[in-house]
């Protein structure tokens, strides 16, 4: 649900609020024109992307499958 008419919003307010709680952005239209946008406080998806970018700056990418000091029998 990206876009919803004002009349539909009135009839389905709780459903729309649940969508917003899950991080979705809902545009409200009146007579075919977007008049408002409902967004969750602190867009969850955007915050997660920003956190991953921060972690990516200092992360060390390497072999995460092979054990370092012990013998691993999972592949046998």
PDB file of N, CA and C in Angstrom:
ATOM      1  N   UNK A   1       0.849  -1.178   0.000  1.00  0.00           N
ATOM      2  CA  UNK A   1       0.000   0.000   0.000  1.00  0.00           C
ATOM      3  C   UNK A   1       0.891   1.236   0.000  1.00  0.00           C
ATOM      4  N   UNK A   2       1.091   1.815  -1.141  1.00  0.00           N
ATOM      5  CA  UNK A   2       1.906   3.027  -1.250  1.00  0.00           C
ATOM      6  C   UNK A   2       1.042   4.276  -1.250  1.00  0.00           C
ATOM      7  N   UNK A   3      -0.123   4.187  -1.890  1.00  0.00           N
ATOM      8  CA  UNK A   3      -0.994   5.340  -2.047  1.00  0.00           C
ATOM      9  C   UNK A   3      -2.407   4.963  -1.622  1.00  0.00           C
ATOM     10  N   UNK A   4      -3.086   5.894  -0.951  1.00  0.00           N
ATOM     11  CA  UNK A   4      -4.451   5.638  -0.512  1.00  0.00           C
ATOM     12  C   UNK A   4      -5.259   6.923  -0.603  1.00  0.00           C
ATOM     13  N   UNK A   5      -6.522   6.805  -0.993  1.00  0.00           N
ATOM     14  CA  UNK A   5      -7.408   7.964  -1.064  1.00  0.00           C
ATOM     15  C   UNK A   5      -7.873   8.337   0.343  1.00  0.00           C
ATOM     16  N   UNK A   6      -8.207   9.601   0.540  1.00  0.00           N
ATOM     17  CA  UNK A   6      -8.651  10.084   1.842  1.00  0.00           C
ATOM     18  C   UNK A   6      -9.837   9.269   2.348  1.00  0.00           C
ATOM     19  N   UNK A   7     -10.805   9.016   1.495  1.00  0.00           N
ATOM     20  CA  UNK A   7     -11.991   8.254   1.906  1.00  0.00           C
ATOM     21  C   UNK A   7     -11.624   6.832   2.326  1.00  0.00           C
ATOM     22  N   UNK A   8     -10.689   6.224   1.611  1.00  0.00           N
ATOM     23  CA  UNK A   8     -10.229   4.883   1.951  1.00  0.00           C
ATOM     24  C   UNK A   8      -9.445   4.902   3.265  1.00  0.00           C
ATOM     25  N   UNK A   9      -8.684   5.959   3.488  1.00  0.00           N
ATOM     26  CA  UNK A   9      -7.934   6.106   4.736  1.00  0.00           C
ATOM     27  C   UNK A   9      -8.878   6.144   5.927  1.00  0.00           C
ATOM     28  N   UNK A  10      -9.958   6.899   5.802  1.00  0.00           N
ATOM     29  CA  UNK A  10     -10.950   6.985   6.886  1.00  0.00           C
ATOM     30  C   UNK A  10     -11.504   5.605   7.224  1.00  0.00           C
ATOM     31  N   UNK A  11     -11.789   4.823   6.212  1.00  0.00           N
ATOM     32  CA  UNK A  11     -12.397   3.510   6.416  1.00  0.00           C
ATOM     33  C   UNK A  11     -11.397   2.466   6.924  1.00  0.00           C
ATOM     34  N   UNK A  12     -10.117   2.669   6.664  1.00  0.00           N
ATOM     35  CA  UNK A  12      -9.100   1.652   6.993  1.00  0.00           C
ATOM     36  C   UNK A  12      -7.960   2.215   7.827  1.00  0.00           C
ATOM     37  N   UNK A  13      -8.263   3.135   8.702  1.00  0.00           N
ATOM     38  CA  UNK A  13      -7.206   3.828   9.441  1.00  0.00           C
ATOM     39  C   UNK A  13      -6.297   2.871  10.214  1.00  0.00           C
ATOM     40  N   UNK A  14      -6.849   1.919  10.930  1.00  0.00           N
ATOM     41  CA  UNK A  14      -6.019   1.015  11.726  1.00  0.00           C
ATOM     42  C   UNK A  14      -5.111   0.155  10.850  1.00  0.00           C
ATOM     43  N   UNK A  15      -5.611  -0.264   9.713  1.00  0.00           N
ATOM     44  CA  UNK A  15      -4.798  -1.048   8.779  1.00  0.00           C
ATOM     45  C   UNK A  15      -3.626  -0.211   8.267  1.00  0.00           C
ATOM     46  N   UNK A  16      -3.898   1.045   7.942  1.00  0.00           N
ATOM     47  CA  UNK A  16      -2.851   1.938   7.451  1.00  0.00           C
ATOM     48  C   UNK A  16      -1.813   2.196   8.544  1.00  0.00           C
ATOM     49  N   UNK A  17      -2.278   2.378   9.769  1.00  0.00           N
ATOM     50  CA  UNK A  17      -1.343   2.603  10.879  1.00  0.00           C
ATOM     51  C   UNK A  17      -0.426   1.395  11.056  1.00  0.00           C
ATOM     52  N   UNK A  18      -0.961   0.193  10.922  1.00  0.00           N
ATOM     53  CA  UNK A  18      -0.131  -1.022  11.023  1.00  0.00           C
ATOM     54  C   UNK A  18       0.934  -1.046   9.923  1.00  0.00           C
ATOM     55  N   UNK A  19       0.547  -0.644   8.716  1.00  0.00           N
ATOM     56  CA  UNK A  19       1.507  -0.575   7.617  1.00  0.00           C
ATOM     57  C   UNK A  19       2.645   0.390   7.952  1.00  0.00           C
ATOM     58  N   UNK A  20       2.293   1.522   8.514  1.00  0.00           N
ATOM     59  CA  UNK A  20       3.293   2.533   8.868  1.00  0.00           C
ATOM     60  C   UNK A  20       4.190   2.019   9.989  1.00  0.00           C
ATOM     61  N   UNK A  21       3.609   1.314  10.954  1.00  0.00           N
ATOM     62  CA  UNK A  21       4.404   0.731  12.042  1.00  0.00           C
ATOM     63  C   UNK A  21       5.454  -0.230  11.523  1.00  0.00           C
ATOM     64  N   UNK A  22       5.170  -0.878  10.401  1.00  0.00           N
ATOM     65  CA  UNK A  22       6.120  -1.823   9.802  1.00  0.00           C
ATOM     66  C   UNK A  22       7.133  -1.130   8.889  1.00  0.00           C
ATOM     67  N   UNK A  23       7.153   0.189   8.922  1.00  0.00           N
ATOM     68  CA  UNK A  23       8.167   0.918   8.174  1.00  0.00           C
ATOM     69  C   UNK A  23       7.746   1.412   6.799  1.00  0.00           C
ATOM     70  N   UNK A  24       6.508   1.185   6.416  1.00  0.00           N
ATOM     71  CA  UNK A  24       6.051   1.621   5.095  1.00  0.00           C
ATOM     72  C   UNK A  24       5.651   3.092   5.110  1.00  0.00           C
ATOM     73  N   UNK A  25       5.820   3.740   3.991  1.00  0.00           N
ATOM     74  CA  UNK A  25       5.412   5.127   3.802  1.00  0.00           C
ATOM     75  C   UNK A  25       4.132   5.112   2.974  1.00  0.00           C
ATOM     76  N   UNK A  26       3.121   5.850   3.416  1.00  0.00           N
ATOM     77  CA  UNK A  26       1.830   5.879   2.734  1.00  0.00           C
ATOM     78  C   UNK A  26       1.545   7.298   2.261  1.00  0.00           C
ATOM     79  N   UNK A  27       1.268   7.440   0.971  1.00  0.00           N
ATOM     80  CA  UNK A  27       0.897   8.732   0.398  1.00  0.00           C
ATOM     81  C   UNK A  27      -0.622   8.819   0.368  1.00  0.00           C
ATOM     82  N   UNK A  28      -1.155   9.956   0.782  1.00  0.00           N
ATOM     83  CA  UNK A  28      -2.595  10.174   0.810  1.00  0.00           C
ATOM     84  C   UNK A  28      -2.963  11.072  -0.365  1.00  0.00           C
ATOM     85  N   UNK A  29      -3.989  10.638  -1.116  1.00  0.00           N
ATOM     86  CA  UNK A  29      -4.411  11.415  -2.278  1.00  0.00           C
ATOM     87  C   UNK A  29      -5.817  11.958  -2.084  1.00  0.00           C
ATOM     88  N   UNK A  30      -6.048  13.080  -2.703  1.00  0.00           N
ATOM     89  CA  UNK A  30      -7.377  13.679  -2.760  1.00  0.00           C
ATOM     90  C   UNK A  30      -7.600  14.131  -4.193  1.00  0.00           C
ATOM     91  N   UNK A  31      -8.623  13.586  -4.811  1.00  0.00           N
ATOM     92  CA  UNK A  31      -8.925  13.878  -6.214  1.00  0.00           C
ATOM     93  C   UNK A  31      -7.738  13.586  -7.137  1.00  0.00           C
ATOM     94  N   UNK A  32      -7.043  12.506  -6.826  1.00  0.00           N
ATOM     95  CA  UNK A  32      -5.938  12.069  -7.663  1.00  0.00           C
ATOM     96  C   UNK A  32      -4.611  12.760  -7.426  1.00  0.00           C
ATOM     97  N   UNK A  33      -4.563  13.697  -6.499  1.00  0.00           N
ATOM     98  CA  UNK A  33      -3.333  14.446  -6.226  1.00  0.00           C
ATOM     99  C   UNK A  33      -2.828  14.106  -4.823  1.00  0.00           C
ATOM    100  N   UNK A  34      -1.522  13.846  -4.705  1.00  0.00           N
ATOM    101  CA  UNK A  34      -0.949  13.547  -3.397  1.00  0.00           C
ATOM    102  C   UNK A  34      -0.988  14.811  -2.548  1.00  0.00           C
ATOM    103  N   UNK A  35      -1.627  14.701  -1.374  1.00  0.00           N
ATOM    104  CA  UNK A  35      -1.765  15.861  -0.492  1.00  0.00           C
ATOM    105  C   UNK A  35      -0.996  15.698   0.816  1.00  0.00           C
ATOM    106  N   UNK A  36      -0.597  14.465   1.130  1.00  0.00           N
ATOM    107  CA  UNK A  36       0.142  14.229   2.371  1.00  0.00           C
ATOM    108  C   UNK A  36       0.889  12.907   2.275  1.00  0.00           C
ATOM    109  N   UNK A  37       1.813  12.732   3.198  1.00  0.00           N
ATOM    110  CA  UNK A  37       2.579  11.499   3.261  1.00  0.00           C
ATOM    111  C   UNK A  37       2.714  11.122   4.735  1.00  0.00           C
ATOM    112  N   UNK A  38       2.381   9.887   5.072  1.00  0.00           N
ATOM    113  CA  UNK A  38       2.527   9.383   6.432  1.00  0.00           C
ATOM    114  C   UNK A  38       3.776   8.514   6.492  1.00  0.00           C
ATOM    115  N   UNK A  39       4.655   8.836   7.413  1.00  0.00           N
ATOM    116  CA  UNK A  39       5.899   8.080   7.569  1.00  0.00           C
ATOM    117  C   UNK A  39       6.059   7.697   9.033  1.00  0.00           C
ATOM    118  N   UNK A  40       6.704   6.584   9.297  1.00  0.00           N
ATOM    119  CA  UNK A  40       6.936   6.205  10.681  1.00  0.00           C
ATOM    120  C   UNK A  40       7.941   7.169  11.313  1.00  0.00           C
ATOM    121  N   UNK A  41       7.838   7.368  12.606  1.00  0.00           N
ATOM    122  CA  UNK A  41       8.836   8.225  13.243  1.00  0.00           C
ATOM    123  C   UNK A  41      10.205   7.578  13.093  1.00  0.00           C
ATOM    124  N   UNK A  42      11.137   8.289  12.519  1.00  0.00           N
ATOM    125  CA  UNK A  42      12.450   7.702  12.267  1.00  0.00           C
ATOM    126  C   UNK A  42      12.314   6.508  11.351  1.00  0.00           C
ATOM    127  N   UNK A  43      12.308   6.731  10.066  1.00  0.00           N
ATOM    128  CA  UNK A  43      12.114   5.693   9.074  1.00  0.00           C
ATOM    129  C   UNK A  43      13.034   4.508   9.363  1.00  0.00           C
ATOM    130  N   UNK A  44      12.463   3.388   9.756  1.00  0.00           N
ATOM    131  CA  UNK A  44      13.206   2.212  10.212  1.00  0.00           C
ATOM    132  C   UNK A  44      14.139   1.671   9.132  1.00  0.00           C
ATOM    133  N   UNK A  45      13.641   1.570   7.916  1.00  0.00           N
ATOM    134  CA  UNK A  45      14.465   1.024   6.835  1.00  0.00           C
ATOM    135  C   UNK A  45      15.665   1.922   6.550  1.00  0.00           C
ATOM    136  N   UNK A  46      15.427   3.217   6.522  1.00  0.00           N
ATOM    137  CA  UNK A  46      16.516   4.161   6.248  1.00  0.00           C
ATOM    138  C   UNK A  46      17.551   4.140   7.368  1.00  0.00           C
ATOM    139  N   UNK A  47      17.091   4.060   8.616  1.00  0.00           N
ATOM    140  CA  UNK A  47      18.018   3.990   9.747  1.00  0.00           C
ATOM    141  C   UNK A  47      18.867   2.721   9.679  1.00  0.00           C
ATOM    142  N   UNK A  48      18.244   1.608   9.298  1.00  0.00           N
ATOM    143  CA  UNK A  48      18.979   0.349   9.188  1.00  0.00           C
ATOM    144  C   UNK A  48      20.042   0.432   8.097  1.00  0.00           C
ATOM    145  N   UNK A  49      19.692   1.036   6.966  1.00  0.00           N
ATOM    146  CA  UNK A  49      20.665   1.198   5.884  1.00  0.00           C
ATOM    147  C   UNK A  49      21.844   2.049   6.343  1.00  0.00           C
ATOM    148  N   UNK A  50      21.554   3.124   7.055  1.00  0.00           N
ATOM    149  CA  UNK A  50      22.619   4.003   7.546  1.00  0.00           C
ATOM    150  C   UNK A  50      23.517   3.291   8.545  1.00  0.00           C
ATOM    151  N   UNK A  51      22.937   2.474   9.423  1.00  0.00           N
ATOM    152  CA  UNK A  51      23.741   1.720  10.386  1.00  0.00           C
ATOM    153  C   UNK A  51      24.649   0.724   9.672  1.00  0.00           C
ATOM    154  N   UNK A  52      24.104   0.050   8.646  1.00  0.00           N
ATOM    155  CA  UNK A  52      24.927  -0.900   7.890  1.00  0.00           C
ATOM    156  C   UNK A  52      26.072  -0.199   7.173  1.00  0.00           C
ATOM    157  N   UNK A  53      25.831   0.994   6.665  1.00  0.00           N
ATOM    158  CA  UNK A  53      26.900   1.762   6.022  1.00  0.00           C
ATOM    159  C   UNK A  53      27.994   2.099   7.032  1.00  0.00           C
ATOM    160  N   UNK A  54      27.595   2.482   8.251  1.00  0.00           N
ATOM    161  CA  UNK A  54      28.566   2.796   9.303  1.00  0.00           C
ATOM    162  C   UNK A  54      29.407   1.563   9.641  1.00  0.00           C
ATOM    163  N   UNK A  55      28.741   0.423   9.806  1.00  0.00           N
ATOM    164  CA  UNK A  55      29.450  -0.817  10.126  1.00  0.00           C
ATOM    165  C   UNK A  55      30.380  -1.197   8.983  1.00  0.00           C
ATOM    166  N   UNK A  56      29.925  -1.005   7.754  1.00  0.00           N
ATOM    167  CA  UNK A  56      30.714  -1.346   6.580  1.00  0.00           C
ATOM    168  C   UNK A  56      32.025  -0.586   6.486  1.00  0.00           C
ATOM    169  N   UNK A  57      32.077   0.605   7.064  1.00  0.00           N
ATOM    170  CA  UNK A  57      33.304   1.404   7.025  1.00  0.00           C
ATOM    171  C   UNK A  57      34.423   0.773   7.841  1.00  0.00           C
ATOM    172  N   UNK A  58      34.080   0.063   8.920  1.00  0.00           N
ATOM    173  CA  UNK A  58      35.108  -0.503   9.785  1.00  0.00           C
ATOM    174  C   UNK A  58      35.145  -2.030   9.743  1.00  0.00           C
ATOM    175  N   UNK A  59      34.264  -2.656   8.993  1.00  0.00           N
ATOM    176  CA  UNK A  59      34.211  -4.115   8.939  1.00  0.00           C
ATOM    177  C   UNK A  59      35.405  -4.680   8.181  1.00  0.00           C
ATOM    178  N   UNK A  60      35.865  -5.826   8.651  1.00  0.00           N
ATOM    179  CA  UNK A  60      36.943  -6.539   7.980  1.00  0.00           C
ATOM    180  C   UNK A  60      36.332  -7.753   7.298  1.00  0.00           C
ATOM    181  N   UNK A  61      36.463  -7.805   5.993  1.00  0.00           N
ATOM    182  CA  UNK A  61      35.878  -8.905   5.243  1.00  0.00           C
ATOM    183  C   UNK A  61      36.943  -9.961   5.031  1.00  0.00           C
ATOM    184  N   UNK A  62      36.602 -11.182   5.369  1.00  0.00           N
ATOM    185  CA  UNK A  62      37.558 -12.264   5.219  1.00  0.00           C
ATOM    186  C   UNK A  62      36.845 -13.602   5.138  1.00  0.00           C
ATOM    187  N   UNK A  63      37.594 -14.658   5.362  1.00  0.00           N
ATOM    188  CA  UNK A  63      37.049 -16.006   5.321  1.00  0.00           C
ATOM    189  C   UNK A  63      36.307 -16.265   6.622  1.00  0.00           C
ATOM    190  N   UNK A  64      34.987 -16.308   6.551  1.00  0.00           N
ATOM    191  CA  UNK A  64      34.196 -16.548   7.757  1.00  0.00           C
ATOM    192  C   UNK A  64      33.716 -17.994   7.835  1.00  0.00           C
ATOM    193  N   UNK A  65      34.104 -18.798   6.860  1.00  0.00           N
ATOM    194  CA  UNK A  65      33.649 -20.185   6.833  1.00  0.00           C
ATOM    195  C   UNK A  65      34.676 -21.111   7.481  1.00  0.00           C
ATOM    196  N   UNK A  66      35.937 -20.928   7.171  1.00  0.00           N
ATOM    197  CA  UNK A  66      36.972 -21.821   7.692  1.00  0.00           C
ATOM    198  C   UNK A  66      37.286 -21.495   9.146  1.00  0.00           C
ATOM    199  N   UNK A  67      37.472 -22.551   9.970  1.00  0.00           N
ATOM    200  CA  UNK A  67      37.844 -22.314  11.362  1.00  0.00           C
ATOM    201  C   UNK A  67      39.269 -21.786  11.461  1.00  0.00           C
ATOM    202  N   UNK A  68      39.546 -21.073  12.513  1.00  0.00           N
ATOM    203  CA  UNK A  68      40.870 -20.474  12.676  1.00  0.00           C
ATOM    204  C   UNK A  68      41.858 -21.473  13.264  1.00  0.00           C
ATOM    205  N   UNK A  69      41.536 -22.044  14.431  1.00  0.00           N
ATOM    206  CA  UNK A  69      42.490 -22.893  15.128  1.00  0.00           C
ATOM    207  C   UNK A  69      42.003 -24.319  15.378  1.00  0.00           C
ATOM    208  N   UNK A  70      40.793 -24.631  15.015  1.00  0.00           N
ATOM    209  CA  UNK A  70      40.288 -25.963  15.326  1.00  0.00           C
ATOM    210  C   UNK A  70      39.881 -26.700  14.070  1.00  0.00           C
ATOM    211  N   UNK A  71      39.912 -28.034  14.174  1.00  0.00           N
ATOM    212  CA  UNK A  71      39.494 -28.843  13.046  1.00  0.00           C
ATOM    213  C   UNK A  71      37.976 -28.876  13.009  1.00  0.00           C
ATOM    214  N   UNK A  72      37.428 -28.729  11.818  1.00  0.00           N
ATOM    215  CA  UNK A  72      35.984 -28.628  11.647  1.00  0.00           C
ATOM    216  C   UNK A  72      35.521 -29.805  10.807  1.00  0.00           C
ATOM    217  N   UNK A  73      34.651 -30.627  11.362  1.00  0.00           N
ATOM    218  CA  UNK A  73      34.199 -31.822  10.680  1.00  0.00           C
ATOM    219  C   UNK A  73      32.832 -31.655  10.027  1.00  0.00           C
ATOM    220  N   UNK A  74      32.329 -30.478   9.874  1.00  0.00           N
ATOM    221  CA  UNK A  74      30.987 -30.260   9.330  1.00  0.00           C
ATOM    222  C   UNK A  74      30.872 -30.666   7.876  1.00  0.00           C
ATOM    223  N   UNK A  75      31.950 -30.611   7.130  1.00  0.00           N
ATOM    224  CA  UNK A  75      31.900 -30.944   5.711  1.00  0.00           C
ATOM    225  C   UNK A  75      32.099 -32.431   5.441  1.00  0.00           C
ATOM    226  N   UNK A  76      32.440 -33.224   6.437  1.00  0.00           N
ATOM    227  CA  UNK A  76      32.689 -34.665   6.262  1.00  0.00           C
ATOM    228  C   UNK A  76      31.427 -35.462   6.336  1.00  0.00           C
TER     229      UNK A  76
END
